Amino acid sequence: MIRQSAFGTALSMLVLAGGLTTTSLGHTSTKNLFANQTLLTPSPQIASVATFKTTDLEKLVFERINRYRASLGLKKLTLNAKISKQARIHSQNMARGKVPFSHQGFERRVNAIPIRYISAAENVAYNLGYSDPAAEAVSGWIKSPEHLVNIKGNYNLTGIGVATNSKGEVYLTQIFIGNR
């Protein structure tokens, strides 16, 4: 969708790849893959060519997800640097075009995290033209039943990775881990 703003014409869109979950005792997994992609209608808050500090966006996603979980009476997630590293690598690879916007390699990412897990899940989002990409991604995930299952899941650890590219595209990955 093309919208006019004070900055001129800007393209604003948010795309979500369906949430992905896996359960493991060790590292043998059974996947439940929701392969659909959701395109959400943009909000009026758009930015023409914005540059974002990716670590700030990661922190915002973490805070918004925990605030949402707390509002439902769920335990807050603990941010883990090792999980965030894998999420960040995936977002960077999507932003650079090394992998498609997808959950491709999810099992490999989770297995690269040196944490024994019982269950794991991943949400990814891509957006362009929003002034607050973190808010748009979290809002989109909450509105999507497949992503919401992951957000509300029985997880205790999370990692978030955000990457941008020269086109202004913002890629966000959140990995959820249950290790209790």
N, C-alpha and C. Protein backbone atom coordinates (compact mmCIF):
# COMPACT_ATOMS: atom_id res chain seq x y z
N MET A 1 0.84 -1.17 0.00
CA MET A 1 0.00 0.00 0.00
C MET A 1 0.89 1.23 0.00
N ILE A 2 0.57 2.19 -0.82
CA ILE A 2 1.31 3.45 -0.89
C ILE A 2 0.51 4.50 -0.12
N ARG A 3 1.18 5.24 0.74
CA ARG A 3 0.53 6.31 1.50
C ARG A 3 1.35 7.57 1.36
N GLN A 4 0.68 8.70 1.43
CA GLN A 4 1.36 9.99 1.42
C GLN A 4 1.62 10.40 2.87
N SER A 5 2.76 10.95 3.11
CA SER A 5 3.07 11.47 4.43
C SER A 5 3.80 12.78 4.27
N ALA A 6 4.13 13.40 5.39
CA ALA A 6 4.89 14.65 5.35
C ALA A 6 6.26 14.44 4.72
N PHE A 7 6.68 13.19 4.66
CA PHE A 7 7.99 12.87 4.11
C PHE A 7 7.92 12.55 2.62
N GLY A 8 6.73 12.61 2.04
CA GLY A 8 6.57 12.23 0.64
C GLY A 8 5.86 10.88 0.59
N THR A 9 6.06 10.14 -0.47
CA THR A 9 5.42 8.85 -0.62
C THR A 9 6.27 7.79 0.06
N ALA A 10 5.60 6.95 0.84
CA ALA A 10 6.32 5.89 1.53
C ALA A 10 5.53 4.60 1.39
N LEU A 11 6.23 3.52 1.26
CA LEU A 11 5.62 2.21 1.22
C LEU A 11 5.61 1.68 2.64
N SER A 12 4.44 1.27 3.11
CA SER A 12 4.33 0.71 4.45
C SER A 12 3.68 -0.64 4.37
N MET A 13 4.34 -1.64 4.89
CA MET A 13 3.74 -2.96 4.93
C MET A 13 4.37 -3.77 6.03
N LEU A 14 3.61 -4.72 6.52
CA LEU A 14 4.06 -5.65 7.53
C LEU A 14 3.70 -7.04 7.04
N VAL A 15 4.67 -7.94 7.01
CA VAL A 15 4.44 -9.31 6.60
C VAL A 15 4.90 -10.20 7.74
N LEU A 16 4.08 -11.18 8.07
CA LEU A 16 4.41 -12.13 9.13
C LEU A 16 4.45 -13.52 8.53
N ALA A 17 5.49 -14.27 8.84
CA ALA A 17 5.49 -15.68 8.48
C ALA A 17 4.83 -16.41 9.63
N GLY A 18 4.03 -17.41 9.34
CA GLY A 18 3.32 -18.13 10.38
C GLY A 18 4.24 -18.59 11.48
N GLY A 19 3.76 -18.59 12.71
CA GLY A 19 4.55 -19.01 13.86
C GLY A 19 5.00 -20.45 13.71
N LEU A 20 6.14 -20.76 14.24
CA LEU A 20 6.69 -22.10 14.15
C LEU A 20 6.98 -22.59 15.55
N THR A 21 6.55 -23.81 15.86
CA THR A 21 6.84 -24.39 17.17
C THR A 21 7.48 -25.74 17.00
N THR A 22 8.25 -26.13 17.99
CA THR A 22 8.85 -27.45 18.01
C THR A 22 8.97 -27.89 19.45
N THR A 23 8.88 -29.18 19.67
CA THR A 23 9.03 -29.73 21.01
C THR A 23 10.20 -30.69 20.98
N SER A 24 11.01 -30.68 22.03
CA SER A 24 12.19 -31.52 22.03
C SER A 24 12.55 -31.95 23.44
N LEU A 25 12.97 -33.15 23.56
CA LEU A 25 13.61 -33.64 24.77
C LEU A 25 14.99 -34.04 24.30
N GLY A 26 15.94 -33.19 24.42
CA GLY A 26 17.23 -33.34 23.75
C GLY A 26 17.13 -32.50 22.50
N HIS A 27 17.31 -33.13 21.34
CA HIS A 27 17.20 -32.35 20.12
C HIS A 27 16.45 -33.09 19.02
N THR A 28 15.58 -34.03 19.35
CA THR A 28 14.71 -34.64 18.36
C THR A 28 13.42 -33.85 18.37
N SER A 29 12.97 -33.39 17.25
CA SER A 29 11.84 -32.47 17.29
C SER A 29 10.66 -32.94 16.46
N THR A 30 9.51 -32.49 16.87
CA THR A 30 8.28 -32.63 16.13
C THR A 30 7.81 -31.22 15.83
N LYS A 31 7.67 -30.88 14.57
CA LYS A 31 7.34 -29.51 14.21
C LYS A 31 5.86 -29.36 13.92
N ASN A 32 5.34 -28.22 14.28
CA ASN A 32 3.99 -27.81 13.91
C ASN A 32 4.19 -26.51 13.15
N LEU A 33 4.16 -26.57 11.83
CA LEU A 33 4.49 -25.41 11.01
C LEU A 33 3.23 -24.79 10.44
N PHE A 34 3.07 -23.50 10.68
CA PHE A 34 2.00 -22.74 10.07
C PHE A 34 2.66 -21.93 8.96
N ALA A 35 2.53 -22.40 7.73
CA ALA A 35 3.30 -21.82 6.63
C ALA A 35 2.66 -20.58 6.02
N ASN A 36 1.50 -20.22 6.49
CA ASN A 36 0.86 -19.05 5.88
C ASN A 36 1.60 -17.76 6.20
N GLN A 37 1.42 -16.79 5.38
CA GLN A 37 1.96 -15.46 5.64
C GLN A 37 0.79 -14.49 5.69
N THR A 38 0.89 -13.53 6.58
CA THR A 38 -0.18 -12.57 6.79
C THR A 38 0.31 -11.20 6.39
N LEU A 39 -0.45 -10.50 5.58
CA LEU A 39 -0.13 -9.12 5.22
C LEU A 39 -1.14 -8.23 5.95
N LEU A 40 -0.65 -7.37 6.80
CA LEU A 40 -1.52 -6.51 7.59
C LEU A 40 -1.60 -5.12 6.98
N THR A 41 -2.73 -4.48 7.18
CA THR A 41 -2.94 -3.12 6.71
C THR A 41 -2.06 -2.17 7.51
N PRO A 42 -1.36 -1.27 6.87
CA PRO A 42 -0.46 -0.37 7.58
C PRO A 42 -1.20 0.64 8.45
N SER A 43 -0.52 1.09 9.46
CA SER A 43 -1.06 2.15 10.30
C SER A 43 -0.68 3.49 9.69
N PRO A 44 -1.28 4.57 10.17
CA PRO A 44 -0.95 5.87 9.60
C PRO A 44 0.45 6.34 9.97
N GLN A 45 1.10 5.71 10.94
CA GLN A 45 2.44 6.14 11.33
C GLN A 45 3.46 5.50 10.40
N ILE A 46 3.96 6.26 9.47
CA ILE A 46 4.93 5.72 8.53
C ILE A 46 6.14 6.63 8.47
N ALA A 47 7.25 6.04 8.12
CA ALA A 47 8.49 6.78 7.97
C ALA A 47 8.96 6.60 6.55
N SER A 48 9.51 7.62 5.96
CA SER A 48 9.91 7.49 4.57
C SER A 48 11.21 6.70 4.48
N VAL A 49 12.30 7.24 4.88
CA VAL A 49 13.55 6.49 4.91
C VAL A 49 14.07 6.63 6.33
N ALA A 50 13.90 5.59 7.09
CA ALA A 50 14.28 5.66 8.50
C ALA A 50 15.45 4.74 8.77
N THR A 51 16.26 5.15 9.69
CA THR A 51 17.32 4.29 10.17
C THR A 51 17.03 4.00 11.63
N PHE A 52 17.20 2.76 12.00
CA PHE A 52 16.86 2.32 13.34
C PHE A 52 18.08 1.69 13.99
N LYS A 53 18.20 1.88 15.28
CA LYS A 53 19.22 1.17 16.04
C LYS A 53 18.62 -0.18 16.40
N THR A 54 19.16 -1.23 15.80
CA THR A 54 18.54 -2.54 15.93
C THR A 54 18.49 -3.02 17.39
N THR A 55 19.49 -2.73 18.19
CA THR A 55 19.46 -3.17 19.59
C THR A 55 18.32 -2.48 20.35
N ASP A 56 18.00 -1.25 20.00
CA ASP A 56 16.86 -0.57 20.62
C ASP A 56 15.55 -1.25 20.23
N LEU A 57 15.43 -1.64 18.97
CA LEU A 57 14.23 -2.33 18.51
C LEU A 57 14.09 -3.69 19.21
N GLU A 58 15.20 -4.39 19.38
CA GLU A 58 15.17 -5.67 20.08
C GLU A 58 14.65 -5.49 21.50
N LYS A 59 15.14 -4.48 22.17
CA LYS A 59 14.71 -4.20 23.54
C LYS A 59 13.22 -3.86 23.58
N LEU A 60 12.76 -3.08 22.62
CA LEU A 60 11.34 -2.71 22.56
C LEU A 60 10.45 -3.94 22.34
N VAL A 61 10.86 -4.84 21.46
CA VAL A 61 10.08 -6.06 21.23
C VAL A 61 10.01 -6.86 22.53
N PHE A 62 11.15 -7.03 23.18
CA PHE A 62 11.21 -7.77 24.44
C PHE A 62 10.26 -7.16 25.48
N GLU A 63 10.32 -5.86 25.64
CA GLU A 63 9.48 -5.19 26.64
C GLU A 63 8.00 -5.31 26.30
N ARG A 64 7.65 -5.16 25.02
CA ARG A 64 6.24 -5.24 24.62
C ARG A 64 5.69 -6.65 24.80
N ILE A 65 6.48 -7.65 24.44
CA ILE A 65 6.02 -9.04 24.59
C ILE A 65 5.83 -9.35 26.08
N ASN A 66 6.78 -8.95 26.92
CA ASN A 66 6.64 -9.22 28.35
C ASN A 66 5.48 -8.45 28.96
N ARG A 67 5.26 -7.24 28.51
CA ARG A 67 4.12 -6.46 29.00
C ARG A 67 2.81 -7.17 28.63
N TYR A 68 2.75 -7.68 27.41
CA TYR A 68 1.55 -8.39 26.98
C TYR A 68 1.36 -9.67 27.81
N ARG A 69 2.42 -10.44 27.99
CA ARG A 69 2.32 -11.67 28.79
C ARG A 69 1.87 -11.34 30.21
N ALA A 70 2.44 -10.30 30.81
CA ALA A 70 2.07 -9.92 32.18
C ALA A 70 0.60 -9.52 32.26
N SER A 71 0.09 -8.86 31.20
CA SER A 71 -1.32 -8.45 31.20
C SER A 71 -2.26 -9.65 31.22
N LEU A 72 -1.76 -10.80 30.79
CA LEU A 72 -2.56 -12.03 30.80
C LEU A 72 -2.28 -12.89 32.04
N GLY A 73 -1.42 -12.40 32.92
CA GLY A 73 -1.06 -13.16 34.11
C GLY A 73 -0.02 -14.24 33.85
N LEU A 74 0.65 -14.16 32.69
CA LEU A 74 1.70 -15.13 32.36
C LEU A 74 3.04 -14.63 32.89
N LYS A 75 3.94 -15.57 33.17
CA LYS A 75 5.27 -15.20 33.63
C LYS A 75 6.03 -14.48 32.52
N LYS A 76 6.81 -13.50 32.93
CA LYS A 76 7.65 -12.80 31.96
C LYS A 76 8.77 -13.71 31.49
N LEU A 77 9.20 -13.47 30.28
CA LEU A 77 10.32 -14.21 29.69
C LEU A 77 11.63 -13.56 30.12
N THR A 78 12.67 -14.37 30.18
CA THR A 78 14.01 -13.87 30.46
C THR A 78 14.75 -13.77 29.13
N LEU A 79 15.34 -12.61 28.88
CA LEU A 79 16.11 -12.41 27.65
C LEU A 79 17.45 -13.12 27.80
N ASN A 80 17.82 -13.91 26.78
CA ASN A 80 19.05 -14.68 26.81
C ASN A 80 19.92 -14.29 25.62
N ALA A 81 21.16 -13.90 25.88
CA ALA A 81 22.07 -13.42 24.84
C ALA A 81 22.38 -14.50 23.80
N LYS A 82 22.47 -15.75 24.21
CA LYS A 82 22.79 -16.83 23.27
C LYS A 82 21.62 -17.08 22.30
N ILE A 83 20.42 -16.95 22.82
CA ILE A 83 19.24 -17.09 21.95
C ILE A 83 19.14 -15.89 21.02
N SER A 84 19.37 -14.70 21.58
CA SER A 84 19.32 -13.47 20.76
C SER A 84 20.34 -13.53 19.63
N LYS A 85 21.49 -14.10 19.89
CA LYS A 85 22.52 -14.20 18.85
C LYS A 85 21.99 -14.98 17.65
N GLN A 86 21.32 -16.11 17.90
CA GLN A 86 20.78 -16.91 16.80
C GLN A 86 19.64 -16.18 16.08
N ALA A 87 18.79 -15.50 16.86
CA ALA A 87 17.70 -14.73 16.26
C ALA A 87 18.25 -13.62 15.38
N ARG A 88 19.30 -12.95 15.87
CA ARG A 88 19.92 -11.85 15.13
C ARG A 88 20.55 -12.35 13.83
N ILE A 89 21.23 -13.47 13.90
CA ILE A 89 21.85 -14.05 12.69
C ILE A 89 20.77 -14.33 11.64
N HIS A 90 19.64 -14.89 12.08
CA HIS A 90 18.57 -15.18 11.12
C HIS A 90 18.02 -13.90 10.49
N SER A 91 17.78 -12.87 11.32
CA SER A 91 17.29 -11.60 10.78
C SER A 91 18.30 -10.99 9.81
N GLN A 92 19.57 -11.05 10.16
CA GLN A 92 20.61 -10.51 9.27
C GLN A 92 20.65 -11.27 7.95
N ASN A 93 20.53 -12.59 8.02
CA ASN A 93 20.54 -13.39 6.79
C ASN A 93 19.35 -13.08 5.90
N MET A 94 18.17 -12.84 6.51
CA MET A 94 17.00 -12.47 5.71
C MET A 94 17.20 -11.08 5.11
N ALA A 95 17.70 -10.14 5.90
CA ALA A 95 17.91 -8.76 5.43
C ALA A 95 18.91 -8.71 4.28
N ARG A 96 19.89 -9.58 4.29
CA ARG A 96 20.92 -9.62 3.24
C ARG A 96 20.51 -10.48 2.05
N GLY A 97 19.36 -11.15 2.16
CA GLY A 97 18.90 -11.99 1.06
C GLY A 97 19.58 -13.35 1.01
N LYS A 98 20.28 -13.73 2.08
CA LYS A 98 20.96 -15.04 2.11
C LYS A 98 19.96 -16.17 2.29
N VAL A 99 18.86 -15.89 2.97
CA VAL A 99 17.78 -16.86 3.13
C VAL A 99 16.47 -16.11 2.87
N PRO A 100 15.44 -16.83 2.44
CA PRO A 100 14.15 -16.15 2.22
C PRO A 100 13.52 -15.75 3.55
N PHE A 101 12.56 -14.85 3.49
CA PHE A 101 11.79 -14.49 4.67
C PHE A 101 10.97 -15.72 5.04
N SER A 102 11.40 -16.42 6.07
CA SER A 102 10.77 -17.69 6.43
C SER A 102 11.37 -18.20 7.74
N HIS A 103 10.96 -19.42 8.08
CA HIS A 103 11.52 -20.11 9.25
C HIS A 103 12.61 -21.10 8.82
N GLN A 104 13.06 -20.97 7.59
CA GLN A 104 14.08 -21.88 7.07
C GLN A 104 15.27 -21.93 8.02
N GLY A 105 15.67 -23.13 8.42
CA GLY A 105 16.82 -23.31 9.31
C GLY A 105 16.49 -23.19 10.79
N PHE A 106 15.19 -23.15 11.13
CA PHE A 106 14.79 -22.98 12.53
C PHE A 106 15.41 -24.04 13.44
N GLU A 107 15.29 -25.30 13.04
CA GLU A 107 15.82 -26.38 13.87
C GLU A 107 17.33 -26.22 14.08
N ARG A 108 18.04 -25.83 13.05
CA ARG A 108 19.48 -25.61 13.14
C ARG A 108 19.79 -24.46 14.11
N ARG A 109 19.00 -23.37 14.04
CA ARG A 109 19.20 -22.24 14.95
C ARG A 109 19.02 -22.66 16.40
N VAL A 110 17.94 -23.38 16.65
CA VAL A 110 17.64 -23.80 18.03
C VAL A 110 18.71 -24.77 18.53
N ASN A 111 19.14 -25.68 17.68
CA ASN A 111 20.16 -26.64 18.10
C ASN A 111 21.52 -25.99 18.31
N ALA A 112 21.74 -24.83 17.72
CA ALA A 112 23.01 -24.10 17.91
C ALA A 112 23.06 -23.37 19.26
N ILE A 113 21.92 -23.25 19.91
CA ILE A 113 21.86 -22.59 21.21
C ILE A 113 22.27 -23.61 22.27
N PRO A 114 23.29 -23.32 23.05
CA PRO A 114 23.78 -24.31 24.03
C PRO A 114 22.90 -24.39 25.29
N ILE A 115 21.61 -24.64 25.06
CA ILE A 115 20.66 -24.77 26.16
C ILE A 115 19.79 -25.99 25.85
N ARG A 116 19.68 -26.90 26.81
CA ARG A 116 18.75 -28.03 26.63
C ARG A 116 17.34 -27.47 26.71
N TYR A 117 16.51 -27.86 25.78
CA TYR A 117 15.17 -27.32 25.77
C TYR A 117 14.13 -28.42 25.68
N ILE A 118 12.94 -28.10 26.17
CA ILE A 118 11.79 -28.99 26.08
C ILE A 118 10.96 -28.58 24.87
N SER A 119 10.84 -27.28 24.66
CA SER A 119 10.08 -26.78 23.51
C SER A 119 10.70 -25.48 23.02
N ALA A 120 10.43 -25.18 21.77
CA ALA A 120 10.96 -23.97 21.16
C ALA A 120 9.98 -23.49 20.10
N ALA A 121 9.99 -22.19 19.87
CA ALA A 121 9.11 -21.61 18.84
C ALA A 121 9.79 -20.36 18.28
N GLU A 122 9.27 -19.90 17.17
CA GLU A 122 9.85 -18.73 16.53
C GLU A 122 8.76 -17.92 15.83
N ASN A 123 8.86 -16.61 15.99
CA ASN A 123 8.03 -15.67 15.23
C ASN A 123 8.97 -14.79 14.42
N VAL A 124 8.61 -14.53 13.17
CA VAL A 124 9.38 -13.61 12.34
C VAL A 124 8.44 -12.58 11.73
N ALA A 125 8.96 -11.40 11.50
CA ALA A 125 8.19 -10.34 10.85
C ALA A 125 9.13 -9.54 9.96
N TYR A 126 8.54 -8.92 8.96
CA TYR A 126 9.26 -8.05 8.05
C TYR A 126 8.40 -6.82 7.89
N ASN A 127 9.00 -5.65 7.98
CA ASN A 127 8.21 -4.46 7.67
C ASN A 127 9.07 -3.39 7.04
N LEU A 128 8.38 -2.44 6.44
CA LEU A 128 9.02 -1.37 5.70
C LEU A 128 8.14 -0.14 5.81
N GLY A 129 8.73 0.96 6.19
CA GLY A 129 8.01 2.23 6.17
C GLY A 129 7.33 2.63 7.45
N TYR A 130 7.43 1.84 8.50
CA TYR A 130 6.80 2.20 9.76
C TYR A 130 7.76 2.98 10.64
N SER A 131 7.23 3.93 11.38
CA SER A 131 8.07 4.71 12.30
C SER A 131 8.42 3.92 13.54
N ASP A 132 7.64 2.89 13.87
CA ASP A 132 7.91 2.04 15.04
C ASP A 132 7.78 0.58 14.63
N PRO A 133 8.82 0.03 13.98
CA PRO A 133 8.75 -1.35 13.48
C PRO A 133 8.52 -2.38 14.58
N ALA A 134 9.04 -2.14 15.78
CA ALA A 134 8.86 -3.08 16.88
C ALA A 134 7.39 -3.17 17.26
N ALA A 135 6.74 -2.02 17.39
CA ALA A 135 5.31 -2.00 17.75
C ALA A 135 4.47 -2.68 16.66
N GLU A 136 4.79 -2.42 15.40
CA GLU A 136 4.03 -3.03 14.30
C GLU A 136 4.19 -4.55 14.31
N ALA A 137 5.41 -5.04 14.53
CA ALA A 137 5.63 -6.48 14.54
C ALA A 137 4.88 -7.13 15.69
N VAL A 138 5.02 -6.59 16.89
CA VAL A 138 4.36 -7.18 18.06
C VAL A 138 2.84 -7.12 17.90
N SER A 139 2.32 -6.01 17.43
CA SER A 139 0.89 -5.88 17.20
C SER A 139 0.41 -6.91 16.19
N GLY A 140 1.16 -7.08 15.12
CA GLY A 140 0.81 -8.08 14.11
C GLY A 140 0.85 -9.49 14.66
N TRP A 141 1.87 -9.80 15.45
CA TRP A 141 1.97 -11.13 16.05
C TRP A 141 0.79 -11.40 16.98
N ILE A 142 0.40 -10.41 17.76
CA ILE A 142 -0.70 -10.58 18.71
C ILE A 142 -2.03 -10.79 17.97
N LYS A 143 -2.18 -10.16 16.83
CA LYS A 143 -3.42 -10.31 16.04
C LYS A 143 -3.46 -11.62 15.26
N SER A 144 -2.34 -12.29 15.13
CA SER A 144 -2.26 -13.53 14.36
C SER A 144 -2.35 -14.74 15.29
N PRO A 145 -3.36 -15.60 15.13
CA PRO A 145 -3.51 -16.75 16.03
C PRO A 145 -2.27 -17.63 16.11
N GLU A 146 -1.60 -17.86 14.98
CA GLU A 146 -0.42 -18.73 14.98
C GLU A 146 0.73 -18.13 15.79
N HIS A 147 0.91 -16.83 15.69
CA HIS A 147 1.99 -16.17 16.43
C HIS A 147 1.63 -16.01 17.90
N LEU A 148 0.35 -15.77 18.15
CA LEU A 148 -0.11 -15.58 19.52
C LEU A 148 0.11 -16.84 20.36
N VAL A 149 -0.06 -18.01 19.74
CA VAL A 149 0.20 -19.27 20.44
C VAL A 149 1.62 -19.27 20.99
N ASN A 150 2.58 -18.80 20.21
CA ASN A 150 3.97 -18.76 20.66
C ASN A 150 4.15 -17.73 21.78
N ILE A 151 3.57 -16.56 21.61
CA ILE A 151 3.71 -15.50 22.61
C ILE A 151 3.15 -15.94 23.96
N LYS A 152 2.02 -16.65 23.93
CA LYS A 152 1.37 -17.08 25.17
C LYS A 152 1.87 -18.45 25.65
N GLY A 153 2.81 -19.04 24.93
CA GLY A 153 3.26 -20.40 25.23
C GLY A 153 3.99 -20.53 26.56
N ASN A 154 4.19 -21.78 26.93
CA ASN A 154 4.86 -22.12 28.19
C ASN A 154 6.38 -22.07 27.99
N TYR A 155 6.87 -20.87 27.77
CA TYR A 155 8.31 -20.64 27.57
C TYR A 155 8.82 -19.76 28.70
N ASN A 156 10.11 -19.88 28.99
CA ASN A 156 10.70 -19.04 30.03
C ASN A 156 11.87 -18.20 29.52
N LEU A 157 12.41 -18.54 28.37
CA LEU A 157 13.55 -17.81 27.80
C LEU A 157 13.18 -17.30 26.41
N THR A 158 13.81 -16.21 26.02
CA THR A 158 13.59 -15.70 24.67
C THR A 158 14.85 -15.01 24.18
N GLY A 159 14.91 -14.86 22.89
CA GLY A 159 15.96 -14.08 22.24
C GLY A 159 15.34 -13.35 21.07
N ILE A 160 15.80 -12.15 20.84
CA ILE A 160 15.23 -11.31 19.78
C ILE A 160 16.36 -10.76 18.94
N GLY A 161 16.19 -10.83 17.64
CA GLY A 161 17.18 -10.28 16.73
C GLY A 161 16.52 -9.45 15.66
N VAL A 162 17.06 -8.27 15.43
CA VAL A 162 16.52 -7.35 14.42
C VAL A 162 17.65 -6.97 13.48
N ALA A 163 17.33 -6.88 12.20
CA ALA A 163 18.31 -6.43 11.21
C ALA A 163 17.60 -5.56 10.18
N THR A 164 18.32 -4.60 9.65
CA THR A 164 17.81 -3.74 8.59
C THR A 164 18.75 -3.82 7.40
N ASN A 165 18.27 -3.33 6.28
CA ASN A 165 19.15 -3.27 5.11
C ASN A 165 19.05 -1.89 4.47
N SER A 166 19.78 -1.69 3.40
CA SER A 166 19.85 -0.38 2.76
C SER A 166 18.53 0.05 2.13
N LYS A 167 17.61 -0.87 1.92
CA LYS A 167 16.29 -0.54 1.37
C LYS A 167 15.34 -0.04 2.45
N GLY A 168 15.78 -0.09 3.72
CA GLY A 168 14.91 0.32 4.82
C GLY A 168 14.04 -0.80 5.35
N GLU A 169 14.24 -2.01 4.86
CA GLU A 169 13.48 -3.16 5.33
C GLU A 169 13.96 -3.54 6.73
N VAL A 170 13.02 -3.90 7.58
CA VAL A 170 13.33 -4.30 8.96
C VAL A 170 12.86 -5.74 9.13
N TYR A 171 13.78 -6.62 9.53
CA TYR A 171 13.48 -8.03 9.77
C TYR A 171 13.60 -8.30 11.26
N LEU A 172 12.59 -8.96 11.83
CA LEU A 172 12.56 -9.24 13.25
C LEU A 172 12.35 -10.73 13.48
N THR A 173 13.13 -11.30 14.36
CA THR A 173 13.00 -12.71 14.73
C THR A 173 12.95 -12.80 16.24
N GLN A 174 11.97 -13.56 16.76
CA GLN A 174 11.92 -13.84 18.19
C GLN A 174 11.86 -15.35 18.34
N ILE A 175 12.81 -15.88 19.13
CA ILE A 175 12.86 -17.31 19.44
C ILE A 175 12.43 -17.47 20.89
N PHE A 176 11.56 -18.44 21.13
CA PHE A 176 11.07 -18.76 22.46
C PHE A 176 11.61 -20.14 22.85
N ILE A 177 12.09 -20.28 24.08
CA ILE A 177 12.63 -21.55 24.57
C ILE A 177 11.98 -21.88 25.90
N GLY A 178 11.56 -23.13 26.04
CA GLY A 178 11.10 -23.65 27.32
C GLY A 178 12.12 -24.68 27.78
N ASN A 179 12.79 -24.42 28.87
CA ASN A 179 13.83 -25.38 29.30
C ASN A 179 13.58 -25.89 30.72
N ARG A 180 12.38 -25.73 31.24
CA ARG A 180 12.07 -26.26 32.57
C ARG A 180 11.23 -27.50 32.43
